[in-house]
Amino acid sequence: AADDRIVPEHIVKRVHARLPAGELALIERG
C-alpha cells in the first residue's frame, strides 16, 4: 500500500525489482 508507514512504498518496489519473476500491485491506500 502506498500509504503503509511500516513497509513503505520504496521498500515494496525494491523487493519487486529484485525478484526475477515478480509482479507488483501497489494499492493507493489501506
PDB file of all heavy atoms in Angstrom:
ATOM      1  N   ALA A   1       0.859  -1.189   0.000  1.00  0.00           N
ATOM      2  CA  ALA A   1       0.000   0.000   0.000  1.00  0.00           C
ATOM      3  C   ALA A   1       0.893   1.235   0.000  1.00  0.00           C
ATOM      4  O   ALA A   1       1.883   1.300   0.746  1.00  0.00           O
ATOM      5  CB  ALA A   1      -0.919   0.006   1.211  1.00  0.00           C
ATOM      6  N   ALA A   2       0.554   2.191  -0.829  1.00  0.00           N
ATOM      7  CA  ALA A   2       1.358   3.407  -0.957  1.00  0.00           C
ATOM      8  C   ALA A   2       1.437   4.189   0.351  1.00  0.00           C
ATOM      9  O   ALA A   2       2.422   4.900   0.586  1.00  0.00           O
ATOM     10  CB  ALA A   2       0.801   4.289  -2.075  1.00  0.00           C
ATOM     11  N   ASP A   3       0.444   4.025   1.221  1.00  0.00           N
ATOM     12  CA  ASP A   3       0.457   4.773   2.473  1.00  0.00           C
ATOM     13  C   ASP A   3       0.862   3.917   3.683  1.00  0.00           C
ATOM     14  O   ASP A   3       0.651   4.301   4.824  1.00  0.00           O
ATOM     15  CB  ASP A   3      -0.899   5.433   2.723  1.00  0.00           C
ATOM     16  CG  ASP A   3      -2.029   4.443   2.939  1.00  0.00           C
ATOM     17  OD1 ASP A   3      -1.831   3.224   2.684  1.00  0.00           O
ATOM     18  OD2 ASP A   3      -3.115   4.873   3.355  1.00  0.00           O
ATOM     19  N   ASP A   4       1.482   2.772   3.427  1.00  0.00           N
ATOM     20  CA  ASP A   4       1.955   1.908   4.517  1.00  0.00           C
ATOM     21  C   ASP A   4       3.178   2.567   5.157  1.00  0.00           C
ATOM     22  O   ASP A   4       4.173   2.826   4.493  1.00  0.00           O
ATOM     23  CB  ASP A   4       2.326   0.541   3.946  1.00  0.00           C
ATOM     24  CG  ASP A   4       2.666  -0.488   5.011  1.00  0.00           C
ATOM     25  OD1 ASP A   4       3.083  -0.100   6.122  1.00  0.00           O
ATOM     26  OD2 ASP A   4       2.517  -1.685   4.714  1.00  0.00           O
ATOM     27  N   ARG A   5       3.100   2.853   6.434  1.00  0.00           N
ATOM     28  CA  ARG A   5       4.198   3.531   7.128  1.00  0.00           C
ATOM     29  C   ARG A   5       5.174   2.536   7.749  1.00  0.00           C
ATOM     30  O   ARG A   5       6.253   2.919   8.178  1.00  0.00           O
ATOM     31  CB  ARG A   5       3.639   4.476   8.181  1.00  0.00           C
ATOM     32  CG  ARG A   5       2.797   5.577   7.511  1.00  0.00           C
ATOM     33  CD  ARG A   5       2.100   6.436   8.496  1.00  0.00           C
ATOM     34  NE  ARG A   5       3.026   7.454   8.983  1.00  0.00           N
ATOM     35  CZ  ARG A   5       2.743   8.295   9.939  1.00  0.00           C
ATOM     36  NH1 ARG A   5       1.574   8.247  10.540  1.00  0.00           N
ATOM     37  NH2 ARG A   5       3.630   9.187  10.320  1.00  0.00           N
ATOM     38  N   ILE A   6       4.812   1.249   7.803  1.00  0.00           N
ATOM     39  CA  ILE A   6       5.705   0.234   8.366  1.00  0.00           C
ATOM     40  C   ILE A   6       6.569  -0.374   7.268  1.00  0.00           C
ATOM     41  O   ILE A   6       7.779  -0.563   7.451  1.00  0.00           O
ATOM     42  CB  ILE A   6       4.890  -0.839   9.119  1.00  0.00           C
ATOM     43  CG1 ILE A   6       4.186  -0.176  10.311  1.00  0.00           C
ATOM     44  CG2 ILE A   6       5.789  -1.984   9.584  1.00  0.00           C
ATOM     45  CD1 ILE A   6       3.197  -1.052  11.024  1.00  0.00           C
ATOM     46  N   VAL A   7       5.961  -0.701   6.130  1.00  0.00           N
ATOM     47  CA  VAL A   7       6.694  -1.173   4.951  1.00  0.00           C
ATOM     48  C   VAL A   7       6.409  -0.164   3.844  1.00  0.00           C
ATOM     49  O   VAL A   7       5.472  -0.325   3.067  1.00  0.00           O
ATOM     50  CB  VAL A   7       6.266  -2.596   4.533  1.00  0.00           C
ATOM     51  CG1 VAL A   7       7.100  -3.071   3.348  1.00  0.00           C
ATOM     52  CG2 VAL A   7       6.385  -3.570   5.695  1.00  0.00           C
ATOM     53  N   PRO A   8       7.218   0.898   3.767  1.00  0.00           N
ATOM     54  CA  PRO A   8       6.948   1.974   2.819  1.00  0.00           C
ATOM     55  C   PRO A   8       7.034   1.527   1.356  1.00  0.00           C
ATOM     56  O   PRO A   8       7.657   0.519   1.030  1.00  0.00           O
ATOM     57  CB  PRO A   8       8.030   3.009   3.117  1.00  0.00           C
ATOM     58  CG  PRO A   8       8.674   2.597   4.380  1.00  0.00           C
ATOM     59  CD  PRO A   8       8.373   1.162   4.593  1.00  0.00           C
ATOM     60  N   GLU A   9       6.411   2.310   0.516  1.00  0.00           N
ATOM     61  CA  GLU A   9       6.351   2.028  -0.918  1.00  0.00           C
ATOM     62  C   GLU A   9       7.725   1.768  -1.523  1.00  0.00           C
ATOM     63  O   GLU A   9       7.884   0.862  -2.346  1.00  0.00           O
ATOM     64  CB  GLU A   9       5.666   3.206  -1.628  1.00  0.00           C
ATOM     65  CG  GLU A   9       5.532   3.044  -3.107  1.00  0.00           C
ATOM     66  CD  GLU A   9       4.810   4.213  -3.756  1.00  0.00           C
ATOM     67  OE1 GLU A   9       4.217   5.058  -3.055  1.00  0.00           O
ATOM     68  OE2 GLU A   9       4.845   4.281  -4.992  1.00  0.00           O
ATOM     69  N   HIS A  10       8.732   2.517  -1.131  1.00  0.00           N
ATOM     70  CA  HIS A  10      10.060   2.331  -1.740  1.00  0.00           C
ATOM     71  C   HIS A  10      10.644   0.956  -1.405  1.00  0.00           C
ATOM     72  O   HIS A  10      11.367   0.381  -2.214  1.00  0.00           O
ATOM     73  CB  HIS A  10      11.023   3.463  -1.353  1.00  0.00           C
ATOM     74  CG  HIS A  10      11.491   3.426   0.057  1.00  0.00           C
ATOM     75  ND1 HIS A  10      10.784   3.991   1.094  1.00  0.00           N
ATOM     76  CD2 HIS A  10      12.603   2.888   0.604  1.00  0.00           C
ATOM     77  CE1 HIS A  10      11.441   3.803   2.225  1.00  0.00           C
ATOM     78  NE2 HIS A  10      12.543   3.125   1.960  1.00  0.00           N
ATOM     79  N   ILE A  11      10.306   0.403  -0.265  1.00  0.00           N
ATOM     80  CA  ILE A  11      10.788  -0.941   0.079  1.00  0.00           C
ATOM     81  C   ILE A  11      10.030  -1.996  -0.732  1.00  0.00           C
ATOM     82  O   ILE A  11      10.628  -2.951  -1.237  1.00  0.00           O
ATOM     83  CB  ILE A  11      10.674  -1.196   1.592  1.00  0.00           C
ATOM     84  CG1 ILE A  11      11.666  -0.303   2.321  1.00  0.00           C
ATOM     85  CG2 ILE A  11      10.906  -2.672   1.918  1.00  0.00           C
ATOM     86  CD1 ILE A  11      11.610  -0.384   3.820  1.00  0.00           C
ATOM     87  N   VAL A  12       8.735  -1.819  -0.877  1.00  0.00           N
ATOM     88  CA  VAL A  12       7.935  -2.746  -1.688  1.00  0.00           C
ATOM     89  C   VAL A  12       8.475  -2.756  -3.119  1.00  0.00           C
ATOM     90  O   VAL A  12       8.643  -3.818  -3.723  1.00  0.00           O
ATOM     91  CB  VAL A  12       6.440  -2.348  -1.654  1.00  0.00           C
ATOM     92  CG1 VAL A  12       5.622  -3.194  -2.607  1.00  0.00           C
ATOM     93  CG2 VAL A  12       5.893  -2.454  -0.246  1.00  0.00           C
ATOM     94  N   LYS A  13       8.764  -1.597  -3.658  1.00  0.00           N
ATOM     95  CA  LYS A  13       9.300  -1.506  -5.021  1.00  0.00           C
ATOM     96  C   LYS A  13      10.696  -2.119  -5.115  1.00  0.00           C
ATOM     97  O   LYS A  13      11.048  -2.737  -6.121  1.00  0.00           O
ATOM     98  CB  LYS A  13       9.323  -0.053  -5.486  1.00  0.00           C
ATOM     99  CG  LYS A  13       7.940   0.479  -5.786  1.00  0.00           C
ATOM    100  CD  LYS A  13       7.985   1.920  -6.255  1.00  0.00           C
ATOM    101  CE  LYS A  13       6.621   2.416  -6.651  1.00  0.00           C
ATOM    102  NZ  LYS A  13       6.645   3.828  -7.087  1.00  0.00           N
ATOM    103  N   ARG A  14      11.506  -1.979  -4.071  1.00  0.00           N
ATOM    104  CA  ARG A  14      12.847  -2.569  -4.065  1.00  0.00           C
ATOM    105  C   ARG A  14      12.750  -4.095  -4.060  1.00  0.00           C
ATOM    106  O   ARG A  14      13.479  -4.772  -4.794  1.00  0.00           O
ATOM    107  CB  ARG A  14      13.645  -2.078  -2.868  1.00  0.00           C
ATOM    108  CG  ARG A  14      15.079  -2.588  -2.867  1.00  0.00           C
ATOM    109  CD  ARG A  14      15.902  -1.978  -1.785  1.00  0.00           C
ATOM    110  NE  ARG A  14      15.369  -2.409  -0.493  1.00  0.00           N
ATOM    111  CZ  ARG A  14      15.642  -1.832   0.653  1.00  0.00           C
ATOM    112  NH1 ARG A  14      16.416  -0.759   0.688  1.00  0.00           N
ATOM    113  NH2 ARG A  14      15.153  -2.295   1.779  1.00  0.00           N
ATOM    114  N   VAL A  15      11.847  -4.640  -3.254  1.00  0.00           N
ATOM    115  CA  VAL A  15      11.647  -6.094  -3.237  1.00  0.00           C
ATOM    116  C   VAL A  15      11.205  -6.561  -4.619  1.00  0.00           C
ATOM    117  O   VAL A  15      11.753  -7.520  -5.169  1.00  0.00           O
ATOM    118  CB  VAL A  15      10.611  -6.489  -2.163  1.00  0.00           C
ATOM    119  CG1 VAL A  15      10.157  -7.928  -2.339  1.00  0.00           C
ATOM    120  CG2 VAL A  15      11.187  -6.274  -0.761  1.00  0.00           C
ATOM    121  N   HIS A  16      10.234  -5.888  -5.197  1.00  0.00           N
ATOM    122  CA  HIS A  16       9.748  -6.250  -6.532  1.00  0.00           C
ATOM    123  C   HIS A  16      10.876  -6.215  -7.566  1.00  0.00           C
ATOM    124  O   HIS A  16      11.009  -7.132  -8.381  1.00  0.00           O
ATOM    125  CB  HIS A  16       8.620  -5.299  -6.946  1.00  0.00           C
ATOM    126  CG  HIS A  16       8.282  -5.390  -8.387  1.00  0.00           C
ATOM    127  ND1 HIS A  16       8.611  -4.397  -9.289  1.00  0.00           N
ATOM    128  CD2 HIS A  16       7.666  -6.357  -9.099  1.00  0.00           C
ATOM    129  CE1 HIS A  16       8.208  -4.755 -10.488  1.00  0.00           C
ATOM    130  NE2 HIS A  16       7.625  -5.938 -10.401  1.00  0.00           N
ATOM    131  N   ALA A  17      11.695  -5.199  -7.521  1.00  0.00           N
ATOM    132  CA  ALA A  17      12.779  -5.059  -8.503  1.00  0.00           C
ATOM    133  C   ALA A  17      13.799  -6.189  -8.410  1.00  0.00           C
ATOM    134  O   ALA A  17      14.452  -6.518  -9.394  1.00  0.00           O
ATOM    135  CB  ALA A  17      13.470  -3.709  -8.320  1.00  0.00           C
ATOM    136  N   ARG A  18      13.924  -6.797  -7.249  1.00  0.00           N
ATOM    137  CA  ARG A  18      14.913  -7.862  -7.054  1.00  0.00           C
ATOM    138  C   ARG A  18      14.371  -9.257  -7.345  1.00  0.00           C
ATOM    139  O   ARG A  18      15.113 -10.225  -7.295  1.00  0.00           O
ATOM    140  CB  ARG A  18      15.458  -7.802  -5.639  1.00  0.00           C
ATOM    141  CG  ARG A  18      16.290  -6.570  -5.411  1.00  0.00           C
ATOM    142  CD  ARG A  18      16.859  -6.534  -4.027  1.00  0.00           C
ATOM    143  NE  ARG A  18      17.702  -5.351  -3.857  1.00  0.00           N
ATOM    144  CZ  ARG A  18      18.292  -5.038  -2.735  1.00  0.00           C
ATOM    145  NH1 ARG A  18      18.173  -5.806  -1.677  1.00  0.00           N
ATOM    146  NH2 ARG A  18      19.029  -3.955  -2.662  1.00  0.00           N
ATOM    147  N   LEU A  19      13.107  -9.353  -7.647  1.00  0.00           N
ATOM    148  CA  LEU A  19      12.507 -10.649  -7.968  1.00  0.00           C
ATOM    149  C   LEU A  19      12.481 -10.844  -9.474  1.00  0.00           C
ATOM    150  O   LEU A  19      11.822 -10.084 -10.186  1.00  0.00           O
ATOM    151  CB  LEU A  19      11.085 -10.732  -7.413  1.00  0.00           C
ATOM    152  CG  LEU A  19      10.970 -10.905  -5.909  1.00  0.00           C
ATOM    153  CD1 LEU A  19       9.541 -10.637  -5.457  1.00  0.00           C
ATOM    154  CD2 LEU A  19      11.415 -12.290  -5.495  1.00  0.00           C
ATOM    155  N   PRO A  20      13.173 -11.839  -9.975  1.00  0.00           N
ATOM    156  CA  PRO A  20      13.227 -12.048 -11.428  1.00  0.00           C
ATOM    157  C   PRO A  20      11.854 -12.224 -12.073  1.00  0.00           C
ATOM    158  O   PRO A  20      11.642 -11.781 -13.197  1.00  0.00           O
ATOM    159  CB  PRO A  20      14.057 -13.323 -11.573  1.00  0.00           C
ATOM    160  CG  PRO A  20      14.826 -13.438 -10.315  1.00  0.00           C
ATOM    161  CD  PRO A  20      13.985 -12.810  -9.248  1.00  0.00           C
ATOM    162  N   ALA A  21      10.930 -12.867 -11.388  1.00  0.00           N
ATOM    163  CA  ALA A  21       9.597 -13.101 -11.952  1.00  0.00           C
ATOM    164  C   ALA A  21       8.534 -12.413 -11.099  1.00  0.00           C
ATOM    165  O   ALA A  21       7.413 -12.895 -10.972  1.00  0.00           O
ATOM    166  CB  ALA A  21       9.324 -14.599 -12.054  1.00  0.00           C
ATOM    167  N   GLY A  22       8.888 -11.271 -10.556  1.00  0.00           N
ATOM    168  CA  GLY A  22       7.962 -10.558  -9.678  1.00  0.00           C
ATOM    169  C   GLY A  22       6.986  -9.685 -10.433  1.00  0.00           C
ATOM    170  O   GLY A  22       7.289  -9.162 -11.496  1.00  0.00           O
ATOM    171  N   GLU A  23       5.814  -9.561  -9.865  1.00  0.00           N
ATOM    172  CA  GLU A  23       4.788  -8.656 -10.387  1.00  0.00           C
ATOM    173  C   GLU A  23       4.350  -7.767  -9.226  1.00  0.00           C
ATOM    174  O   GLU A  23       4.143  -8.252  -8.117  1.00  0.00           O
ATOM    175  CB  GLU A  23       3.605  -9.455 -10.917  1.00  0.00           C
ATOM    176  CG  GLU A  23       2.506  -8.596 -11.485  1.00  0.00           C
ATOM    177  CD  GLU A  23       1.378  -9.429 -12.075  1.00  0.00           C
ATOM    178  OE1 GLU A  23       1.646 -10.514 -12.620  1.00  0.00           O
ATOM    179  OE2 GLU A  23       0.223  -8.985 -11.973  1.00  0.00           O
ATOM    180  N   LEU A  24       4.226  -6.488  -9.473  1.00  0.00           N
ATOM    181  CA  LEU A  24       3.901  -5.526  -8.427  1.00  0.00           C
ATOM    182  C   LEU A  24       2.452  -5.075  -8.512  1.00  0.00           C
ATOM    183  O   LEU A  24       1.958  -4.740  -9.582  1.00  0.00           O
ATOM    184  CB  LEU A  24       4.813  -4.300  -8.544  1.00  0.00           C
ATOM    185  CG  LEU A  24       4.570  -3.159  -7.567  1.00  0.00           C
ATOM    186  CD1 LEU A  24       4.806  -3.606  -6.131  1.00  0.00           C
ATOM    187  CD2 LEU A  24       5.455  -1.965  -7.918  1.00  0.00           C
ATOM    188  N   ALA A  25       1.784  -5.084  -7.365  1.00  0.00           N
ATOM    189  CA  ALA A  25       0.451  -4.497  -7.229  1.00  0.00           C
ATOM    190  C   ALA A  25       0.540  -3.510  -6.077  1.00  0.00           C
ATOM    191  O   ALA A  25       0.759  -3.903  -4.937  1.00  0.00           O
ATOM    192  CB  ALA A  25      -0.592  -5.565  -6.944  1.00  0.00           C
ATOM    193  N   LEU A  26       0.422  -2.230  -6.378  1.00  0.00           N
ATOM    194  CA  LEU A  26       0.516  -1.200  -5.355  1.00  0.00           C
ATOM    195  C   LEU A  26      -0.867  -0.579  -5.159  1.00  0.00           C
ATOM    196  O   LEU A  26      -1.439  -0.002  -6.085  1.00  0.00           O
ATOM    197  CB  LEU A  26       1.529  -0.131  -5.767  1.00  0.00           C
ATOM    198  CG  LEU A  26       2.003   0.795  -4.668  1.00  0.00           C
ATOM    199  CD1 LEU A  26       2.660   0.023  -3.533  1.00  0.00           C
ATOM    200  CD2 LEU A  26       2.972   1.812  -5.227  1.00  0.00           C
ATOM    201  N   ILE A  27      -1.390  -0.751  -3.970  1.00  0.00           N
ATOM    202  CA  ILE A  27      -2.708  -0.223  -3.619  1.00  0.00           C
ATOM    203  C   ILE A  27      -2.514   1.200  -3.096  1.00  0.00           C
ATOM    204  O   ILE A  27      -1.582   1.459  -2.335  1.00  0.00           O
ATOM    205  CB  ILE A  27      -3.365  -1.131  -2.552  1.00  0.00           C
ATOM    206  CG1 ILE A  27      -3.576  -2.530  -3.134  1.00  0.00           C
ATOM    207  CG2 ILE A  27      -4.666  -0.531  -2.055  1.00  0.00           C
ATOM    208  CD1 ILE A  27      -4.001  -3.570  -2.119  1.00  0.00           C
ATOM    209  N   GLU A  28      -3.379   2.110  -3.488  1.00  0.00           N
ATOM    210  CA  GLU A  28      -3.222   3.517  -3.117  1.00  0.00           C
ATOM    211  C   GLU A  28      -3.305   3.769  -1.620  1.00  0.00           C
ATOM    212  O   GLU A  28      -2.555   4.561  -1.076  1.00  0.00           O
ATOM    213  CB  GLU A  28      -4.277   4.373  -3.818  1.00  0.00           C
ATOM    214  CG  GLU A  28      -4.017   4.566  -5.284  1.00  0.00           C
ATOM    215  CD  GLU A  28      -5.019   5.525  -5.886  1.00  0.00           C
ATOM    216  OE1 GLU A  28      -5.332   6.550  -5.248  1.00  0.00           O
ATOM    217  OE2 GLU A  28      -5.486   5.238  -6.995  1.00  0.00           O
ATOM    218  N   ARG A  29      -4.238   3.101  -0.971  1.00  0.00           N
ATOM    219  CA  ARG A  29      -4.432   3.367   0.457  1.00  0.00           C
ATOM    220  C   ARG A  29      -4.765   2.057   1.169  1.00  0.00           C
ATOM    221  O   ARG A  29      -5.041   1.055   0.544  1.00  0.00           O
ATOM    222  CB  ARG A  29      -5.541   4.382   0.663  1.00  0.00           C
ATOM    223  CG  ARG A  29      -6.892   3.920   0.189  1.00  0.00           C
ATOM    224  CD  ARG A  29      -7.948   5.010   0.325  1.00  0.00           C
ATOM    225  NE  ARG A  29      -9.262   4.532  -0.045  1.00  0.00           N
ATOM    226  CZ  ARG A  29      -9.681   4.297  -1.282  1.00  0.00           C
ATOM    227  NH1 ARG A  29      -8.857   4.485  -2.293  1.00  0.00           N
ATOM    228  NH2 ARG A  29     -10.895   3.869  -1.521  1.00  0.00           N
ATOM    229  N   GLY A  30      -4.750   2.122   2.469  1.00  0.00           N
ATOM    230  CA  GLY A  30      -5.075   0.943   3.256  1.00  0.00           C
ATOM    231  C   GLY A  30      -4.112   0.721   4.402  1.00  0.00           C
ATOM    232  O   GLY A  30      -4.346  -0.077   5.285  1.00  0.00           O
TER     233      GLY A  30
END
